[in-house]
C-alpha atoms as a PDB file:
ATOM      1  CA  MET A   1      14.272   4.603  -2.997  1.00  0.00           C
ATOM      2  CA  THR A   2      13.911   0.996  -1.913  1.00  0.00           C
ATOM      3  CA  ILE A   3      10.889  -1.230  -2.489  1.00  0.00           C
ATOM      4  CA  ASP A   4      10.086  -1.064   1.235  1.00  0.00           C
ATOM      5  CA  ARG A   5       9.863   2.717   1.282  1.00  0.00           C
ATOM      6  CA  ALA A   6       7.911   2.782  -1.973  1.00  0.00           C
ATOM      7  CA  VAL A   7       5.352   0.319  -0.567  1.00  0.00           C
ATOM      8  CA  PHE A   8       4.924   2.345   2.627  1.00  0.00           C
ATOM      9  CA  ALA A   9       4.581   5.588   0.659  1.00  0.00           C
ATOM     10  CA  PHE A  10       2.047   4.023  -1.712  1.00  0.00           C
ATOM     11  CA  ALA A  11       0.033   2.569   1.179  1.00  0.00           C
ATOM     12  CA  GLY A  12      -0.038   5.957   2.873  1.00  0.00           C
ATOM     13  CA  ILE A  13      -1.250   7.635  -0.302  1.00  0.00           C
ATOM     14  CA  VAL A  14      -3.980   5.023  -0.756  1.00  0.00           C
ATOM     15  CA  VAL A  15      -5.189   5.410   2.849  1.00  0.00           C
ATOM     16  CA  LEU A  16      -5.224   9.206   2.694  1.00  0.00           C
ATOM     17  CA  THR A  17      -6.936   9.176  -0.718  1.00  0.00           C
ATOM     18  CA  GLY A  18      -9.614   6.811   0.552  1.00  0.00           C
ATOM     19  CA  LEU A  19     -10.279   8.967   3.595  1.00  0.00           C
ATOM     20  CA  THR A  20     -10.373  12.170   1.556  1.00  0.00           C
ATOM     21  CA  LEU A  21     -12.801  10.659  -0.949  1.00  0.00           C
ATOM     22  CA  ALA A  22     -14.928   9.343   1.921  1.00  0.00           C
ATOM     23  CA  ILE A  23     -15.241  12.864   3.307  1.00  0.00           C
ATOM     24  CA  TRP A  24     -15.810  14.704   0.025  1.00  0.00           C
ATOM     25  CA  VAL A  25     -17.504  12.160  -2.291  1.00  0.00           C
ATOM     26  CA  HIS A  26     -19.152   9.201  -0.578  1.00  0.00           C
ATOM     27  CA  PRO A  27     -18.640   7.371   2.732  1.00  0.00           C
ATOM     28  CA  TYR A  28     -18.112   4.017   0.977  1.00  0.00           C
ATOM     29  CA  TRP A  29     -14.678   5.233  -0.163  1.00  0.00           C
ATOM     30  CA  VAL A  30     -13.485   4.369   3.339  1.00  0.00           C
ATOM     31  CA  LEU A  31     -13.437   0.784   2.045  1.00  0.00           C
ATOM     32  CA  LEU A  32     -10.360   1.702  -0.011  1.00  0.00           C
ATOM     33  CA  SER A  33      -8.531   2.574   3.205  1.00  0.00           C
ATOM     34  CA  ALA A  34      -9.784  -0.651   4.801  1.00  0.00           C
ATOM     35  CA  PHE A  35      -8.488  -2.665   1.844  1.00  0.00           C
ATOM     36  CA  ALA A  36      -5.058  -1.030   2.136  1.00  0.00           C
ATOM     37  CA  GLY A  37      -4.984  -1.750   5.871  1.00  0.00           C
ATOM     38  CA  LEU A  38      -5.962  -5.390   5.383  1.00  0.00           C
ATOM     39  CA  ASN A  39      -3.311  -5.782   2.697  1.00  0.00           C
ATOM     40  CA  MET A  40      -0.632  -4.343   5.008  1.00  0.00           C
ATOM     41  CA  PHE A  41      -1.786  -6.635   7.822  1.00  0.00           C
ATOM     42  CA  GLN A  42      -1.631  -9.820   5.728  1.00  0.00           C
ATOM     43  CA  SER A  43       1.694  -8.720   4.243  1.00  0.00           C
ATOM     44  CA  ALA A  44       3.197  -8.517   7.733  1.00  0.00           C
ATOM     45  CA  PHE A  45       2.541 -12.234   8.227  1.00  0.00           C
ATOM     46  CA  THR A  46       2.925 -13.679   4.737  1.00  0.00           C
ATOM     47  CA  GLY A  47       5.515 -11.410   3.145  1.00  0.00           C
ATOM     48  CA  PHE A  48       3.336 -11.289   0.006  1.00  0.00           C
ATOM     49  CA  CYS A  49       2.600  -7.794  -1.301  1.00  0.00           C
ATOM     50  CA  PRO A  50       1.353  -7.151  -4.848  1.00  0.00           C
ATOM     51  CA  ALA A  51       2.601  -3.553  -4.730  1.00  0.00           C
ATOM     52  CA  ALA A  52       6.117  -4.774  -3.890  1.00  0.00           C
ATOM     53  CA  MET A  53       6.046  -7.012  -6.961  1.00  0.00           C
ATOM     54  CA  VAL A  54       5.063  -4.044  -9.137  1.00  0.00           C
ATOM     55  CA  PHE A  55       7.772  -1.822  -7.688  1.00  0.00           C
ATOM     56  CA  LYS A  56      10.340  -4.585  -8.216  1.00  0.00           C
ATOM     57  CA  ARG A  57       9.395  -4.784 -11.902  1.00  0.00           C
ATOM     58  CA  LEU A  58       9.687  -1.010 -12.124  1.00  0.00           C
ATOM     59  CA  GLY A  59      13.329  -1.328 -11.058  1.00  0.00           C
ATOM     60  CA  PHE A  60      13.289  -0.195  -7.427  1.00  0.00           C
ATOM     61  CA  LYS A  61      16.168  -1.443  -5.282  1.00  0.00           C
ATOM     62  CA  PRO A  62      15.382  -4.303  -2.885  1.00  0.00           C
ATOM     63  CA  GLY A  63      14.958  -3.459   0.776  1.00  0.00           C
ATOM     64  CA  THR A  64      15.033  -5.597   3.880  1.00  0.00           C
ATOM     65  CA  LEU A  65      11.327  -6.499   3.926  1.00  0.00           C
ATOM     66  CA  PHE A  66      10.526  -7.119   0.279  1.00  0.00           C
ATOM     67  CA  LYS A  67      13.131  -8.598  -2.028  1.00  0.00           C
END
């Protein structure tokens, strides 16, 4: 799995977790999904993604977006 795919998978898990917790626990958990969305948005313009840095240190292969 490349860093790109790992970042997308992780972002999807974070968004779905935030929405699930917002439904079952407390509505403020939707802020977790908003944070993930904002991080993806800024990453599209800056190329900076903290999750990509973590996956790189974990030994994932570089992709085309995050190296």
